[in-house]
N, C-alpha and C. Protein backbone atom coordinates (compact mmCIF):
# COMPACT_ATOMS: atom_id res chain seq x y z
N UNK A 1 -14.19 -251.24 32.42
CA UNK A 1 -14.69 -249.89 32.58
C UNK A 1 -15.22 -249.73 34.01
N UNK A 2 -14.77 -248.68 34.69
CA UNK A 2 -15.22 -248.41 36.05
C UNK A 2 -16.63 -247.83 36.04
N UNK A 3 -17.28 -247.92 37.20
CA UNK A 3 -18.65 -247.42 37.27
C UNK A 3 -18.72 -245.93 36.99
N UNK A 4 -17.68 -245.15 37.38
CA UNK A 4 -17.69 -243.71 37.10
C UNK A 4 -17.69 -243.44 35.60
N UNK A 5 -16.95 -244.26 34.85
CA UNK A 5 -16.91 -244.09 33.40
C UNK A 5 -18.25 -244.48 32.77
N UNK A 6 -18.89 -245.49 33.31
CA UNK A 6 -20.21 -245.90 32.82
C UNK A 6 -21.23 -244.80 33.09
N UNK A 7 -21.19 -244.25 34.31
CA UNK A 7 -22.10 -243.16 34.67
C UNK A 7 -21.85 -241.96 33.76
N UNK A 8 -20.60 -241.60 33.56
CA UNK A 8 -20.26 -240.44 32.72
C UNK A 8 -20.70 -240.66 31.27
N UNK A 9 -20.42 -241.83 30.73
CA UNK A 9 -20.79 -242.13 29.34
C UNK A 9 -22.31 -242.13 29.17
N UNK A 10 -23.01 -242.73 30.12
CA UNK A 10 -24.46 -242.75 30.06
C UNK A 10 -25.03 -241.35 30.17
N UNK A 11 -24.44 -240.56 31.04
CA UNK A 11 -24.88 -239.18 31.21
C UNK A 11 -24.73 -238.38 29.92
N UNK A 12 -23.61 -238.53 29.25
CA UNK A 12 -23.36 -237.82 27.99
C UNK A 12 -24.38 -238.26 26.94
N UNK A 13 -24.66 -239.55 26.86
CA UNK A 13 -25.64 -240.06 25.89
C UNK A 13 -27.04 -239.53 26.16
N UNK A 14 -27.45 -239.55 27.42
CA UNK A 14 -28.78 -239.05 27.79
C UNK A 14 -28.87 -237.55 27.51
N UNK A 15 -27.83 -236.81 27.90
CA UNK A 15 -27.81 -235.37 27.64
C UNK A 15 -27.90 -235.08 26.15
N UNK A 16 -27.16 -235.84 25.36
CA UNK A 16 -27.18 -235.65 23.90
C UNK A 16 -28.58 -235.89 23.35
N UNK A 17 -29.23 -236.94 23.85
CA UNK A 17 -30.60 -237.22 23.41
C UNK A 17 -31.54 -236.09 23.75
N UNK A 18 -31.42 -235.54 24.95
CA UNK A 18 -32.28 -234.43 25.35
C UNK A 18 -31.98 -233.16 24.57
N UNK A 19 -30.72 -232.93 24.25
CA UNK A 19 -30.35 -231.74 23.48
C UNK A 19 -30.92 -231.83 22.06
N UNK A 20 -30.76 -232.96 21.42
CA UNK A 20 -31.32 -233.13 20.07
C UNK A 20 -32.83 -232.95 20.12
N UNK A 21 -33.46 -233.57 21.09
CA UNK A 21 -34.90 -233.49 21.22
C UNK A 21 -35.38 -232.06 21.45
N UNK A 22 -34.76 -231.34 22.38
CA UNK A 22 -35.23 -230.00 22.71
C UNK A 22 -35.02 -229.04 21.54
N UNK A 23 -33.93 -229.20 20.79
CA UNK A 23 -33.71 -228.35 19.62
C UNK A 23 -34.75 -228.64 18.53
N UNK A 24 -35.11 -229.90 18.35
CA UNK A 24 -36.15 -230.24 17.37
C UNK A 24 -37.50 -229.65 17.79
N UNK A 25 -37.80 -229.77 19.06
CA UNK A 25 -39.05 -229.20 19.57
C UNK A 25 -39.04 -227.68 19.40
N UNK A 26 -37.92 -227.05 19.73
CA UNK A 26 -37.83 -225.59 19.67
C UNK A 26 -37.90 -225.05 18.25
N UNK A 27 -37.22 -225.70 17.33
CA UNK A 27 -37.13 -225.17 15.97
C UNK A 27 -38.22 -225.68 15.02
N UNK A 28 -38.80 -226.84 15.33
CA UNK A 28 -39.76 -227.44 14.40
C UNK A 28 -41.15 -227.61 15.02
N UNK A 29 -41.22 -228.32 16.14
CA UNK A 29 -42.52 -228.73 16.67
C UNK A 29 -43.33 -227.55 17.20
N UNK A 30 -42.80 -226.83 18.19
CA UNK A 30 -43.59 -225.74 18.77
C UNK A 30 -43.94 -224.66 17.75
N UNK A 31 -43.01 -224.22 16.90
CA UNK A 31 -43.40 -223.21 15.90
C UNK A 31 -44.49 -223.70 14.94
N UNK A 32 -44.54 -225.01 14.70
CA UNK A 32 -45.55 -225.53 13.77
C UNK A 32 -46.96 -225.44 14.34
N UNK A 33 -47.11 -225.32 15.64
CA UNK A 33 -48.44 -225.27 16.26
C UNK A 33 -49.28 -224.13 15.70
N UNK A 34 -48.65 -223.02 15.36
CA UNK A 34 -49.42 -221.85 14.90
C UNK A 34 -50.02 -222.06 13.51
N UNK A 35 -49.61 -223.09 12.80
CA UNK A 35 -50.13 -223.36 11.46
C UNK A 35 -51.36 -224.27 11.45
N UNK A 36 -51.74 -224.78 12.62
CA UNK A 36 -52.90 -225.66 12.72
C UNK A 36 -54.15 -224.86 13.04
N UNK A 37 -55.26 -225.29 12.48
CA UNK A 37 -56.55 -224.78 12.93
C UNK A 37 -56.75 -225.33 14.34
N UNK A 38 -57.49 -224.63 15.15
CA UNK A 38 -57.65 -224.98 16.56
C UNK A 38 -58.04 -226.44 16.77
N UNK A 39 -59.07 -226.91 16.05
CA UNK A 39 -59.52 -228.29 16.25
C UNK A 39 -58.47 -229.31 15.80
N UNK A 40 -57.71 -228.97 14.76
CA UNK A 40 -56.64 -229.87 14.31
C UNK A 40 -55.48 -229.88 15.30
N UNK A 41 -55.19 -228.71 15.87
CA UNK A 41 -54.11 -228.63 16.85
C UNK A 41 -54.45 -229.46 18.08
N UNK A 42 -55.67 -229.39 18.52
CA UNK A 42 -56.07 -230.17 19.70
C UNK A 42 -55.86 -231.66 19.44
N UNK A 43 -56.30 -232.13 18.29
CA UNK A 43 -56.14 -233.55 17.94
C UNK A 43 -54.67 -233.92 17.81
N UNK A 44 -53.90 -233.11 17.08
CA UNK A 44 -52.47 -233.38 16.90
C UNK A 44 -51.72 -233.30 18.22
N UNK A 45 -52.04 -232.31 19.04
CA UNK A 45 -51.34 -232.11 20.30
C UNK A 45 -51.51 -233.32 21.22
N UNK A 46 -52.69 -233.90 21.25
CA UNK A 46 -52.91 -235.08 22.08
C UNK A 46 -52.04 -236.25 21.61
N UNK A 47 -51.91 -236.42 20.31
CA UNK A 47 -51.04 -237.48 19.78
C UNK A 47 -49.57 -237.14 20.04
N UNK A 48 -49.21 -235.89 19.83
CA UNK A 48 -47.83 -235.45 20.04
C UNK A 48 -47.40 -235.67 21.49
N UNK A 49 -48.23 -235.23 22.45
CA UNK A 49 -47.82 -235.34 23.85
C UNK A 49 -47.68 -236.79 24.30
N UNK A 50 -48.54 -237.66 23.81
CA UNK A 50 -48.42 -239.09 24.15
C UNK A 50 -47.15 -239.68 23.54
N UNK A 51 -46.88 -239.33 22.29
CA UNK A 51 -45.70 -239.86 21.62
C UNK A 51 -44.39 -239.34 22.19
N UNK A 52 -44.35 -238.03 22.44
CA UNK A 52 -43.10 -237.44 22.94
C UNK A 52 -42.82 -237.90 24.36
N UNK A 53 -43.87 -238.18 25.14
CA UNK A 53 -43.68 -238.65 26.51
C UNK A 53 -42.93 -239.97 26.56
N UNK A 54 -43.14 -240.82 25.56
CA UNK A 54 -42.45 -242.11 25.51
C UNK A 54 -40.94 -241.91 25.38
N UNK A 55 -40.55 -240.82 24.77
CA UNK A 55 -39.12 -240.51 24.60
C UNK A 55 -38.60 -239.67 25.76
N UNK A 56 -39.34 -238.63 26.12
CA UNK A 56 -38.86 -237.65 27.10
C UNK A 56 -38.81 -238.21 28.52
N UNK A 57 -39.84 -238.90 28.93
CA UNK A 57 -39.90 -239.36 30.33
C UNK A 57 -38.73 -240.27 30.69
N UNK A 58 -38.41 -241.30 29.90
CA UNK A 58 -37.24 -242.12 30.27
C UNK A 58 -35.92 -241.32 30.27
N UNK A 59 -35.78 -240.41 29.31
CA UNK A 59 -34.55 -239.61 29.27
C UNK A 59 -34.44 -238.70 30.50
N UNK A 60 -35.52 -238.02 30.83
CA UNK A 60 -35.48 -237.12 31.99
C UNK A 60 -35.31 -237.89 33.30
N UNK A 61 -35.98 -239.02 33.43
CA UNK A 61 -35.82 -239.83 34.65
C UNK A 61 -34.39 -240.35 34.77
N UNK A 62 -33.82 -240.80 33.66
CA UNK A 62 -32.44 -241.29 33.68
C UNK A 62 -31.48 -240.15 34.02
N UNK A 63 -31.69 -238.99 33.42
CA UNK A 63 -30.82 -237.84 33.71
C UNK A 63 -30.90 -237.48 35.20
N UNK A 64 -32.11 -237.46 35.74
CA UNK A 64 -32.28 -237.15 37.16
C UNK A 64 -31.59 -238.19 38.04
N UNK A 65 -31.78 -239.46 37.74
CA UNK A 65 -31.15 -240.53 38.53
C UNK A 65 -29.62 -240.41 38.49
N UNK A 66 -29.08 -240.10 37.32
CA UNK A 66 -27.62 -240.00 37.19
C UNK A 66 -27.05 -238.83 37.99
N UNK A 67 -27.70 -237.66 37.93
CA UNK A 67 -27.15 -236.53 38.68
C UNK A 67 -27.33 -236.74 40.18
N UNK A 68 -28.44 -237.37 40.58
CA UNK A 68 -28.63 -237.64 42.01
C UNK A 68 -27.61 -238.65 42.51
N UNK A 69 -27.34 -239.67 41.70
CA UNK A 69 -26.32 -240.65 42.06
C UNK A 69 -24.96 -239.96 42.25
N UNK A 70 -24.60 -239.12 41.28
CA UNK A 70 -23.29 -238.44 41.36
C UNK A 70 -23.22 -237.49 42.55
N UNK A 71 -24.30 -236.75 42.83
CA UNK A 71 -24.23 -235.79 43.94
C UNK A 71 -24.16 -236.51 45.28
N UNK A 72 -24.72 -237.71 45.37
CA UNK A 72 -24.65 -238.48 46.61
C UNK A 72 -23.28 -239.14 46.76
N UNK A 73 -22.77 -239.75 45.68
CA UNK A 73 -21.54 -240.54 45.77
C UNK A 73 -20.28 -239.78 45.37
N UNK A 74 -20.44 -238.66 44.70
CA UNK A 74 -19.28 -237.84 44.32
C UNK A 74 -19.62 -236.36 44.53
N UNK A 75 -19.96 -235.98 45.76
CA UNK A 75 -20.37 -234.59 45.97
C UNK A 75 -19.20 -233.62 45.75
N UNK A 76 -19.38 -232.74 44.81
CA UNK A 76 -18.42 -231.68 44.56
C UNK A 76 -19.16 -230.56 43.83
N UNK A 77 -18.46 -229.51 43.54
CA UNK A 77 -19.08 -228.34 42.90
C UNK A 77 -19.78 -228.72 41.59
N UNK A 78 -19.11 -229.52 40.77
CA UNK A 78 -19.66 -229.88 39.47
C UNK A 78 -20.95 -230.68 39.59
N UNK A 79 -20.98 -231.65 40.50
CA UNK A 79 -22.18 -232.47 40.62
C UNK A 79 -23.34 -231.67 41.23
N UNK A 80 -23.02 -230.74 42.11
CA UNK A 80 -24.06 -229.89 42.69
C UNK A 80 -24.65 -228.98 41.62
N UNK A 81 -23.80 -228.39 40.78
CA UNK A 81 -24.28 -227.53 39.69
C UNK A 81 -25.17 -228.35 38.73
N UNK A 82 -24.71 -229.54 38.35
CA UNK A 82 -25.50 -230.40 37.47
C UNK A 82 -26.86 -230.73 38.08
N UNK A 83 -26.85 -231.08 39.34
CA UNK A 83 -28.09 -231.45 40.02
C UNK A 83 -29.05 -230.27 40.08
N UNK A 84 -28.54 -229.10 40.41
CA UNK A 84 -29.39 -227.91 40.47
C UNK A 84 -29.99 -227.59 39.09
N UNK A 85 -29.20 -227.75 38.05
CA UNK A 85 -29.71 -227.49 36.70
C UNK A 85 -30.82 -228.47 36.33
N UNK A 86 -30.60 -229.74 36.61
CA UNK A 86 -31.60 -230.76 36.28
C UNK A 86 -32.87 -230.56 37.10
N UNK A 87 -32.73 -230.29 38.39
CA UNK A 87 -33.91 -230.06 39.23
C UNK A 87 -34.67 -228.83 38.74
N UNK A 88 -33.95 -227.76 38.39
CA UNK A 88 -34.63 -226.59 37.83
C UNK A 88 -35.38 -226.94 36.56
N UNK A 89 -34.75 -227.71 35.67
CA UNK A 89 -35.40 -228.11 34.42
C UNK A 89 -36.68 -228.91 34.69
N UNK A 90 -36.65 -229.80 35.68
CA UNK A 90 -37.84 -230.56 36.04
C UNK A 90 -38.94 -229.62 36.53
N UNK A 91 -38.60 -228.74 37.46
CA UNK A 91 -39.60 -227.82 38.02
C UNK A 91 -40.15 -226.91 36.93
N UNK A 92 -39.26 -226.36 36.11
CA UNK A 92 -39.68 -225.46 35.05
C UNK A 92 -40.55 -226.19 34.03
N UNK A 93 -40.21 -227.42 33.72
CA UNK A 93 -41.01 -228.20 32.77
C UNK A 93 -42.41 -228.44 33.31
N UNK A 94 -42.52 -228.87 34.56
CA UNK A 94 -43.82 -229.22 35.09
C UNK A 94 -44.66 -228.02 35.51
N UNK A 95 -44.02 -226.97 36.01
CA UNK A 95 -44.79 -225.79 36.40
C UNK A 95 -44.97 -224.79 35.26
N UNK A 96 -44.00 -224.73 34.36
CA UNK A 96 -44.04 -223.74 33.30
C UNK A 96 -44.61 -224.22 31.98
N UNK A 97 -44.57 -225.52 31.75
CA UNK A 97 -45.01 -226.05 30.45
C UNK A 97 -46.25 -226.92 30.54
N UNK A 98 -46.37 -227.71 31.58
CA UNK A 98 -47.56 -228.56 31.70
C UNK A 98 -48.85 -227.74 31.63
N UNK A 99 -48.95 -226.60 32.33
CA UNK A 99 -50.20 -225.82 32.23
C UNK A 99 -50.47 -225.32 30.80
N UNK A 100 -49.43 -224.95 30.07
CA UNK A 100 -49.61 -224.50 28.69
C UNK A 100 -50.10 -225.64 27.81
N UNK A 101 -49.52 -226.80 28.01
CA UNK A 101 -49.94 -227.97 27.22
C UNK A 101 -51.37 -228.39 27.57
N UNK A 102 -51.76 -228.26 28.83
CA UNK A 102 -53.14 -228.57 29.20
C UNK A 102 -54.11 -227.63 28.49
N UNK A 103 -53.75 -226.35 28.41
CA UNK A 103 -54.62 -225.39 27.72
C UNK A 103 -54.77 -225.74 26.24
N UNK A 104 -53.69 -226.17 25.63
CA UNK A 104 -53.77 -226.57 24.22
C UNK A 104 -54.67 -227.79 24.08
N UNK A 105 -54.47 -228.77 24.94
CA UNK A 105 -55.28 -230.00 24.88
C UNK A 105 -56.76 -229.72 25.13
N UNK A 106 -57.03 -228.75 25.98
CA UNK A 106 -58.42 -228.40 26.30
C UNK A 106 -59.04 -227.50 25.24
N UNK A 107 -58.22 -226.95 24.36
CA UNK A 107 -58.74 -226.05 23.33
C UNK A 107 -58.90 -224.62 23.81
N UNK A 108 -58.26 -224.28 24.92
CA UNK A 108 -58.36 -222.91 25.45
C UNK A 108 -57.10 -222.10 25.15
N UNK A 109 -56.43 -222.46 24.08
CA UNK A 109 -55.20 -221.77 23.69
C UNK A 109 -55.53 -220.64 22.72
N UNK A 110 -54.52 -219.76 22.54
CA UNK A 110 -54.61 -218.68 21.57
C UNK A 110 -53.20 -218.43 21.03
N UNK A 111 -53.07 -217.48 20.12
CA UNK A 111 -51.76 -217.20 19.53
C UNK A 111 -50.74 -216.76 20.58
N UNK A 112 -51.18 -215.99 21.57
CA UNK A 112 -50.26 -215.55 22.62
C UNK A 112 -49.68 -216.74 23.38
N UNK A 113 -50.51 -217.70 23.70
CA UNK A 113 -50.06 -218.88 24.43
C UNK A 113 -49.05 -219.67 23.59
N UNK A 114 -49.31 -219.80 22.29
CA UNK A 114 -48.38 -220.54 21.42
C UNK A 114 -47.05 -219.81 21.31
N UNK A 115 -47.08 -218.48 21.26
CA UNK A 115 -45.82 -217.71 21.23
C UNK A 115 -45.09 -217.83 22.57
N UNK A 116 -45.84 -217.84 23.67
CA UNK A 116 -45.25 -218.00 24.99
C UNK A 116 -44.55 -219.35 25.11
N UNK A 117 -45.17 -220.37 24.57
CA UNK A 117 -44.58 -221.72 24.58
C UNK A 117 -43.20 -221.70 23.91
N UNK A 118 -43.10 -221.07 22.76
CA UNK A 118 -41.82 -220.99 22.03
C UNK A 118 -40.82 -220.14 22.81
N UNK A 119 -41.26 -218.98 23.31
CA UNK A 119 -40.34 -218.09 24.04
C UNK A 119 -39.80 -218.75 25.30
N UNK A 120 -40.69 -219.36 26.08
CA UNK A 120 -40.24 -220.02 27.31
C UNK A 120 -39.31 -221.19 27.02
N UNK A 121 -39.58 -221.89 25.94
CA UNK A 121 -38.78 -223.07 25.64
C UNK A 121 -37.34 -222.74 25.31
N UNK A 122 -37.06 -221.50 24.92
CA UNK A 122 -35.66 -221.10 24.71
C UNK A 122 -34.85 -221.27 25.99
N UNK A 123 -35.48 -221.07 27.13
CA UNK A 123 -34.77 -221.25 28.41
C UNK A 123 -34.37 -222.70 28.58
N UNK A 124 -35.30 -223.61 28.35
CA UNK A 124 -34.96 -225.04 28.46
C UNK A 124 -33.94 -225.45 27.40
N UNK A 125 -34.09 -224.91 26.20
CA UNK A 125 -33.15 -225.24 25.12
C UNK A 125 -31.73 -224.81 25.52
N UNK A 126 -31.61 -223.60 26.04
CA UNK A 126 -30.30 -223.11 26.48
C UNK A 126 -29.76 -223.96 27.63
N UNK A 127 -30.60 -224.23 28.63
CA UNK A 127 -30.12 -224.97 29.80
C UNK A 127 -29.72 -226.40 29.48
N UNK A 128 -30.54 -227.11 28.68
CA UNK A 128 -30.15 -228.48 28.33
C UNK A 128 -28.89 -228.49 27.46
N UNK A 129 -28.74 -227.50 26.61
CA UNK A 129 -27.51 -227.40 25.80
C UNK A 129 -26.31 -227.11 26.70
N UNK A 130 -26.49 -226.18 27.63
CA UNK A 130 -25.41 -225.82 28.56
C UNK A 130 -25.02 -227.01 29.43
N UNK A 131 -26.02 -227.74 29.90
CA UNK A 131 -25.75 -228.92 30.72
C UNK A 131 -24.97 -229.98 29.94
N UNK A 132 -25.35 -230.19 28.69
CA UNK A 132 -24.63 -231.13 27.84
C UNK A 132 -23.17 -230.71 27.67
N UNK A 133 -22.94 -229.45 27.36
CA UNK A 133 -21.57 -228.93 27.20
C UNK A 133 -20.81 -229.04 28.52
N UNK A 134 -21.46 -228.69 29.61
CA UNK A 134 -20.85 -228.78 30.94
C UNK A 134 -20.42 -230.22 31.23
N UNK A 135 -21.28 -231.18 30.92
CA UNK A 135 -20.94 -232.59 31.15
C UNK A 135 -19.84 -233.07 30.19
N UNK A 136 -19.82 -232.56 28.98
CA UNK A 136 -18.73 -232.92 28.06
C UNK A 136 -17.39 -232.45 28.60
N UNK A 137 -17.40 -231.27 29.18
CA UNK A 137 -16.17 -230.72 29.79
C UNK A 137 -15.81 -231.48 31.05
N UNK A 138 -16.83 -231.77 31.87
CA UNK A 138 -16.62 -232.47 33.14
C UNK A 138 -16.17 -233.91 32.95
N UNK A 139 -16.75 -234.58 31.96
CA UNK A 139 -16.50 -236.00 31.73
C UNK A 139 -16.02 -236.22 30.30
N UNK A 140 -14.81 -235.78 29.99
CA UNK A 140 -14.34 -236.00 28.62
C UNK A 140 -14.25 -237.49 28.31
N UNK A 141 -14.72 -237.85 27.14
CA UNK A 141 -14.69 -239.25 26.71
C UNK A 141 -13.39 -239.52 25.96
N UNK A 142 -12.71 -240.54 26.38
CA UNK A 142 -11.42 -240.86 25.75
C UNK A 142 -11.56 -242.05 24.84
């Protein structure tokens, strides 16, 4: 197996992991926040963020490393599009979601913030799904 095939296969696996994860968060985890009493949500949220970080951080770092590797060693339209999507997802995650999660952890959240979390996450859900499909098309597995 050539290194390009290894990179492509790894990329598809990482993307698939992120897609499954983001859909579970979007359809199950974030909507469930509104069913917790404030003090219970704070306690659960702290456990949730620590646990999910163990899964999300390695996947996101691997995805970033793979697209950066491809854009450096195989620069073309497809790799540039992939890189831009991943970089946007990183920026959007850290600037758009970290502050919301901090408010929940601090107990300064309200129903509007919880609804905003779900609404905003549709953007990440769409983009990670689109990136996965884009990579499936770009790197068909034989």
